[in-house]
Amino acid sequence: MKTITTLNGTTATITVRGDIDLDTLPLLRAAADALPAHVTGLLWDLNHTFFMDIAGLHLLFAPTLTGRPDRRITVTGLRPQPLRLLRLAAEMNPAVPLDRLVCDVHAPL
């Protein structure tokens, strides 16, 4: 798994190349933790992520674990399996803010 981080003002994009699972979760959290304090928006680019397990849900829905609960998190480039997992999470828990999290899905959430 590889990540690429880019900064644009107060927004950071972390591009993930590879699967998101319990083995890669610490690396992804470390990438988010390494962002400068002025970053208030984090975009996870998952165009190159074909598989995500429950670790991805922890990454996206438990941002307080990174020490920045005020950071707005969004996701782009969801492939079918990660999108299906997010939809299932929203179905199981209607409080999941899926419409606020996902920024580029053409099909209805």
N, C-alpha and C. Protein backbone atom coordinates (compact mmCIF):
# COMPACT_ATOMS: atom_id res chain seq x y z
N MET A 1 0.83 -1.16 0.00
CA MET A 1 0.00 0.00 0.00
C MET A 1 0.88 1.23 0.00
N LYS A 2 0.45 2.23 -0.76
CA LYS A 2 1.21 3.46 -0.88
C LYS A 2 0.24 4.62 -0.74
N THR A 3 0.69 5.72 -0.13
CA THR A 3 -0.12 6.92 -0.05
C THR A 3 0.66 8.09 -0.62
N ILE A 4 -0.09 9.02 -1.18
CA ILE A 4 0.48 10.27 -1.67
C ILE A 4 -0.36 11.39 -1.05
N THR A 5 0.29 12.31 -0.39
CA THR A 5 -0.40 13.42 0.26
C THR A 5 -0.10 14.71 -0.49
N THR A 6 -1.17 15.45 -0.80
CA THR A 6 -1.01 16.77 -1.42
C THR A 6 -1.78 17.78 -0.59
N LEU A 7 -1.23 18.98 -0.50
CA LEU A 7 -1.86 20.07 0.25
C LEU A 7 -2.28 21.17 -0.71
N ASN A 8 -3.46 21.72 -0.43
CA ASN A 8 -3.98 22.85 -1.20
C ASN A 8 -4.67 23.78 -0.21
N GLY A 9 -3.93 24.71 0.32
CA GLY A 9 -4.47 25.61 1.33
C GLY A 9 -4.77 24.85 2.62
N THR A 10 -6.04 24.89 3.02
CA THR A 10 -6.43 24.22 4.26
C THR A 10 -6.99 22.82 4.00
N THR A 11 -6.86 22.34 2.77
CA THR A 11 -7.36 21.01 2.42
C THR A 11 -6.19 20.11 2.03
N ALA A 12 -6.24 18.88 2.50
CA ALA A 12 -5.25 17.87 2.12
C ALA A 12 -5.97 16.74 1.42
N THR A 13 -5.30 16.16 0.45
CA THR A 13 -5.79 14.97 -0.22
C THR A 13 -4.78 13.86 0.03
N ILE A 14 -5.28 12.74 0.53
CA ILE A 14 -4.44 11.56 0.68
C ILE A 14 -4.94 10.54 -0.32
N THR A 15 -4.11 10.24 -1.30
CA THR A 15 -4.43 9.24 -2.32
C THR A 15 -3.90 7.90 -1.85
N VAL A 16 -4.79 6.93 -1.81
CA VAL A 16 -4.43 5.59 -1.33
C VAL A 16 -4.32 4.66 -2.53
N ARG A 17 -3.21 3.96 -2.62
CA ARG A 17 -3.01 2.96 -3.67
C ARG A 17 -2.86 1.61 -2.99
N GLY A 18 -3.97 0.87 -2.96
CA GLY A 18 -3.97 -0.43 -2.32
C GLY A 18 -5.19 -0.60 -1.44
N ASP A 19 -5.30 -1.77 -0.85
CA ASP A 19 -6.45 -2.11 -0.02
C ASP A 19 -6.37 -1.42 1.34
N ILE A 20 -7.55 -1.22 1.93
CA ILE A 20 -7.62 -0.70 3.30
C ILE A 20 -8.12 -1.83 4.18
N ASP A 21 -7.24 -2.26 5.10
CA ASP A 21 -7.59 -3.33 6.03
C ASP A 21 -6.88 -3.06 7.35
N LEU A 22 -6.98 -4.00 8.27
CA LEU A 22 -6.38 -3.78 9.59
C LEU A 22 -4.87 -3.63 9.53
N ASP A 23 -4.22 -4.21 8.51
CA ASP A 23 -2.77 -4.07 8.38
C ASP A 23 -2.38 -2.68 7.90
N THR A 24 -3.20 -2.07 7.05
CA THR A 24 -2.85 -0.76 6.49
C THR A 24 -3.44 0.41 7.28
N LEU A 25 -4.40 0.14 8.15
CA LEU A 25 -5.03 1.21 8.92
C LEU A 25 -4.03 2.06 9.70
N PRO A 26 -3.06 1.49 10.40
CA PRO A 26 -2.10 2.35 11.12
C PRO A 26 -1.31 3.28 10.20
N LEU A 27 -0.96 2.82 9.01
CA LEU A 27 -0.24 3.67 8.05
C LEU A 27 -1.10 4.83 7.58
N LEU A 28 -2.38 4.56 7.37
CA LEU A 28 -3.28 5.61 6.91
C LEU A 28 -3.55 6.62 8.01
N ARG A 29 -3.72 6.13 9.22
CA ARG A 29 -3.90 7.07 10.34
C ARG A 29 -2.65 7.92 10.54
N ALA A 30 -1.49 7.31 10.37
CA ALA A 30 -0.25 8.06 10.50
C ALA A 30 -0.15 9.15 9.44
N ALA A 31 -0.59 8.86 8.23
CA ALA A 31 -0.59 9.87 7.16
C ALA A 31 -1.50 11.03 7.53
N ALA A 32 -2.68 10.74 8.09
CA ALA A 32 -3.61 11.79 8.51
C ALA A 32 -3.03 12.57 9.70
N ASP A 33 -2.42 11.86 10.63
CA ASP A 33 -1.84 12.51 11.81
C ASP A 33 -0.69 13.44 11.44
N ALA A 34 0.00 13.16 10.35
CA ALA A 34 1.16 13.95 9.94
C ALA A 34 0.77 15.25 9.24
N LEU A 35 -0.51 15.45 8.99
CA LEU A 35 -0.94 16.67 8.31
C LEU A 35 -0.71 17.88 9.21
N PRO A 36 -0.40 19.02 8.61
CA PRO A 36 -0.21 20.23 9.41
C PRO A 36 -1.50 20.62 10.16
N ALA A 37 -1.33 21.33 11.24
CA ALA A 37 -2.47 21.71 12.09
C ALA A 37 -3.47 22.60 11.38
N HIS A 38 -3.04 23.38 10.38
CA HIS A 38 -3.96 24.29 9.69
C HIS A 38 -4.91 23.58 8.73
N VAL A 39 -4.70 22.29 8.48
CA VAL A 39 -5.56 21.53 7.55
C VAL A 39 -6.88 21.23 8.25
N THR A 40 -7.96 21.76 7.66
CA THR A 40 -9.30 21.55 8.22
C THR A 40 -10.16 20.62 7.38
N GLY A 41 -9.69 20.30 6.19
CA GLY A 41 -10.42 19.39 5.32
C GLY A 41 -9.51 18.29 4.82
N LEU A 42 -10.00 17.05 4.90
CA LEU A 42 -9.22 15.90 4.43
C LEU A 42 -10.04 15.13 3.43
N LEU A 43 -9.51 15.00 2.23
CA LEU A 43 -10.15 14.23 1.16
C LEU A 43 -9.36 12.94 0.97
N TRP A 44 -10.03 11.82 1.20
CA TRP A 44 -9.42 10.52 0.92
C TRP A 44 -9.75 10.17 -0.53
N ASP A 45 -8.74 10.05 -1.37
CA ASP A 45 -8.91 9.66 -2.77
C ASP A 45 -8.72 8.15 -2.86
N LEU A 46 -9.82 7.43 -3.11
CA LEU A 46 -9.79 5.97 -3.13
C LEU A 46 -9.94 5.41 -4.54
N ASN A 47 -9.55 6.17 -5.56
CA ASN A 47 -9.63 5.69 -6.94
C ASN A 47 -8.85 4.41 -7.17
N HIS A 48 -7.80 4.18 -6.39
CA HIS A 48 -6.95 3.01 -6.56
C HIS A 48 -7.10 2.01 -5.42
N THR A 49 -8.25 2.07 -4.74
CA THR A 49 -8.54 1.15 -3.64
C THR A 49 -9.72 0.28 -4.05
N PHE A 50 -9.44 -0.99 -4.30
CA PHE A 50 -10.49 -1.89 -4.78
C PHE A 50 -11.16 -2.68 -3.66
N PHE A 51 -10.51 -2.73 -2.49
CA PHE A 51 -11.08 -3.47 -1.36
C PHE A 51 -10.89 -2.67 -0.08
N MET A 52 -11.94 -2.67 0.73
CA MET A 52 -11.89 -2.02 2.03
C MET A 52 -12.72 -2.87 2.99
N ASP A 53 -12.13 -3.21 4.15
CA ASP A 53 -12.90 -3.94 5.15
C ASP A 53 -13.31 -2.97 6.26
N ILE A 54 -13.69 -3.49 7.39
CA ILE A 54 -14.19 -2.65 8.48
C ILE A 54 -13.16 -1.61 8.93
N ALA A 55 -11.91 -1.86 8.67
CA ALA A 55 -10.88 -0.87 9.01
C ALA A 55 -11.13 0.45 8.27
N GLY A 56 -11.64 0.37 7.07
CA GLY A 56 -11.98 1.58 6.32
C GLY A 56 -13.09 2.37 7.00
N LEU A 57 -14.05 1.66 7.59
CA LEU A 57 -15.10 2.35 8.33
C LEU A 57 -14.52 3.06 9.54
N HIS A 58 -13.59 2.40 10.22
CA HIS A 58 -12.93 3.03 11.37
C HIS A 58 -12.16 4.27 10.92
N LEU A 59 -11.50 4.19 9.80
CA LEU A 59 -10.73 5.32 9.29
C LEU A 59 -11.63 6.51 8.98
N LEU A 60 -12.76 6.25 8.34
CA LEU A 60 -13.62 7.33 7.88
C LEU A 60 -14.58 7.86 8.94
N PHE A 61 -15.01 6.98 9.84
CA PHE A 61 -16.04 7.39 10.78
C PHE A 61 -15.53 7.56 12.21
N ALA A 62 -14.27 7.36 12.46
CA ALA A 62 -13.71 7.57 13.79
C ALA A 62 -12.52 8.53 13.70
N PRO A 63 -12.73 9.72 13.13
CA PRO A 63 -11.61 10.64 12.96
C PRO A 63 -11.07 11.16 14.28
N THR A 64 -11.84 11.04 15.36
CA THR A 64 -11.35 11.52 16.65
C THR A 64 -10.14 10.72 17.11
N LEU A 65 -9.97 9.53 16.57
CA LEU A 65 -8.80 8.73 16.94
C LEU A 65 -7.52 9.35 16.41
N THR A 66 -7.63 10.22 15.42
CA THR A 66 -6.44 10.89 14.89
C THR A 66 -6.14 12.18 15.62
N GLY A 67 -6.96 12.51 16.61
CA GLY A 67 -6.72 13.72 17.38
C GLY A 67 -7.26 14.98 16.74
N ARG A 68 -7.97 14.88 15.64
CA ARG A 68 -8.53 16.05 14.96
C ARG A 68 -10.02 15.86 14.69
N PRO A 69 -10.86 15.90 15.71
CA PRO A 69 -12.29 15.69 15.49
C PRO A 69 -12.94 16.81 14.68
N ASP A 70 -12.29 17.97 14.57
CA ASP A 70 -12.86 19.10 13.84
C ASP A 70 -12.57 19.06 12.35
N ARG A 71 -11.78 18.13 11.89
CA ARG A 71 -11.40 18.05 10.48
C ARG A 71 -12.53 17.42 9.67
N ARG A 72 -12.96 18.10 8.61
CA ARG A 72 -14.02 17.58 7.75
C ARG A 72 -13.44 16.54 6.82
N ILE A 73 -14.03 15.36 6.82
CA ILE A 73 -13.53 14.25 6.01
C ILE A 73 -14.50 13.97 4.88
N THR A 74 -13.96 13.85 3.66
CA THR A 74 -14.74 13.44 2.50
C THR A 74 -13.96 12.36 1.75
N VAL A 75 -14.68 11.67 0.87
CA VAL A 75 -14.09 10.56 0.11
C VAL A 75 -14.45 10.75 -1.36
N THR A 76 -13.51 10.45 -2.23
CA THR A 76 -13.75 10.48 -3.66
C THR A 76 -13.23 9.19 -4.28
N GLY A 77 -13.73 8.87 -5.46
CA GLY A 77 -13.21 7.74 -6.22
C GLY A 77 -13.57 6.37 -5.68
N LEU A 78 -14.72 6.25 -5.06
CA LEU A 78 -15.10 4.95 -4.49
C LEU A 78 -15.35 3.91 -5.57
N ARG A 79 -14.68 2.79 -5.45
CA ARG A 79 -14.89 1.63 -6.30
C ARG A 79 -16.11 0.87 -5.78
N PRO A 80 -16.64 -0.09 -6.55
CA PRO A 80 -17.87 -0.77 -6.14
C PRO A 80 -17.85 -1.42 -4.76
N GLN A 81 -16.78 -2.14 -4.41
CA GLN A 81 -16.80 -2.83 -3.11
C GLN A 81 -16.74 -1.86 -1.93
N PRO A 82 -15.84 -0.87 -1.92
CA PRO A 82 -15.88 0.08 -0.81
C PRO A 82 -17.19 0.86 -0.72
N LEU A 83 -17.77 1.21 -1.86
CA LEU A 83 -19.05 1.90 -1.86
C LEU A 83 -20.14 1.01 -1.28
N ARG A 84 -20.13 -0.26 -1.64
CA ARG A 84 -21.11 -1.20 -1.11
C ARG A 84 -20.97 -1.32 0.42
N LEU A 85 -19.74 -1.33 0.92
CA LEU A 85 -19.52 -1.39 2.36
C LEU A 85 -20.06 -0.13 3.04
N LEU A 86 -19.82 1.04 2.47
CA LEU A 86 -20.34 2.27 3.05
C LEU A 86 -21.86 2.31 3.03
N ARG A 87 -22.44 1.84 1.95
CA ARG A 87 -23.92 1.79 1.88
C ARG A 87 -24.48 0.84 2.91
N LEU A 88 -23.83 -0.29 3.11
CA LEU A 88 -24.28 -1.24 4.13
C LEU A 88 -24.17 -0.62 5.52
N ALA A 89 -23.09 0.09 5.77
CA ALA A 89 -22.94 0.76 7.07
C ALA A 89 -24.06 1.77 7.29
N ALA A 90 -24.41 2.52 6.25
CA ALA A 90 -25.48 3.51 6.36
C ALA A 90 -26.84 2.84 6.54
N GLU A 91 -27.02 1.69 5.90
CA GLU A 91 -28.28 0.94 6.05
C GLU A 91 -28.42 0.40 7.47
N MET A 92 -27.33 -0.06 8.03
CA MET A 92 -27.35 -0.63 9.38
C MET A 92 -27.47 0.47 10.44
N ASN A 93 -26.93 1.64 10.14
CA ASN A 93 -26.97 2.75 11.08
C ASN A 93 -27.32 4.02 10.32
N PRO A 94 -28.59 4.40 10.31
CA PRO A 94 -29.01 5.58 9.55
C PRO A 94 -28.34 6.88 9.99
N ALA A 95 -27.70 6.90 11.14
CA ALA A 95 -26.99 8.11 11.59
C ALA A 95 -25.66 8.31 10.86
N VAL A 96 -25.23 7.32 10.10
CA VAL A 96 -23.97 7.44 9.34
C VAL A 96 -24.15 8.54 8.29
N PRO A 97 -23.30 9.56 8.30
CA PRO A 97 -23.46 10.70 7.39
C PRO A 97 -22.91 10.44 5.99
N LEU A 98 -23.45 9.44 5.32
CA LEU A 98 -22.92 9.02 4.02
C LEU A 98 -23.01 10.13 2.98
N ASP A 99 -24.11 10.86 2.95
CA ASP A 99 -24.26 11.91 1.94
C ASP A 99 -23.27 13.06 2.14
N ARG A 100 -22.82 13.28 3.36
CA ARG A 100 -21.83 14.32 3.65
C ARG A 100 -20.41 13.82 3.40
N LEU A 101 -20.20 12.52 3.54
CA LEU A 101 -18.88 11.94 3.42
C LEU A 101 -18.45 11.74 1.96
N VAL A 102 -19.36 11.23 1.15
CA VAL A 102 -19.03 10.87 -0.23
C VAL A 102 -19.30 12.06 -1.14
N CYS A 103 -18.29 12.44 -1.92
CA CYS A 103 -18.43 13.67 -2.72
C CYS A 103 -18.57 13.45 -4.22
N ASP A 104 -18.54 12.21 -4.71
CA ASP A 104 -18.61 12.07 -6.17
C ASP A 104 -19.24 10.77 -6.66
N VAL A 105 -20.30 10.34 -6.04
CA VAL A 105 -20.99 9.14 -6.51
C VAL A 105 -22.17 9.59 -7.35
N HIS A 106 -22.28 9.06 -8.56
CA HIS A 106 -23.35 9.49 -9.46
C HIS A 106 -24.66 8.78 -9.16
N ALA A 107 -24.59 7.56 -8.63
CA ALA A 107 -25.80 6.83 -8.27
C ALA A 107 -26.32 7.36 -6.94
N PRO A 108 -27.62 7.27 -6.68
CA PRO A 108 -28.14 7.73 -5.40
C PRO A 108 -27.50 6.98 -4.25
N LEU A 109 -27.21 7.70 -3.19
CA LEU A 109 -26.66 7.08 -2.00
C LEU A 109 -27.76 6.40 -1.25
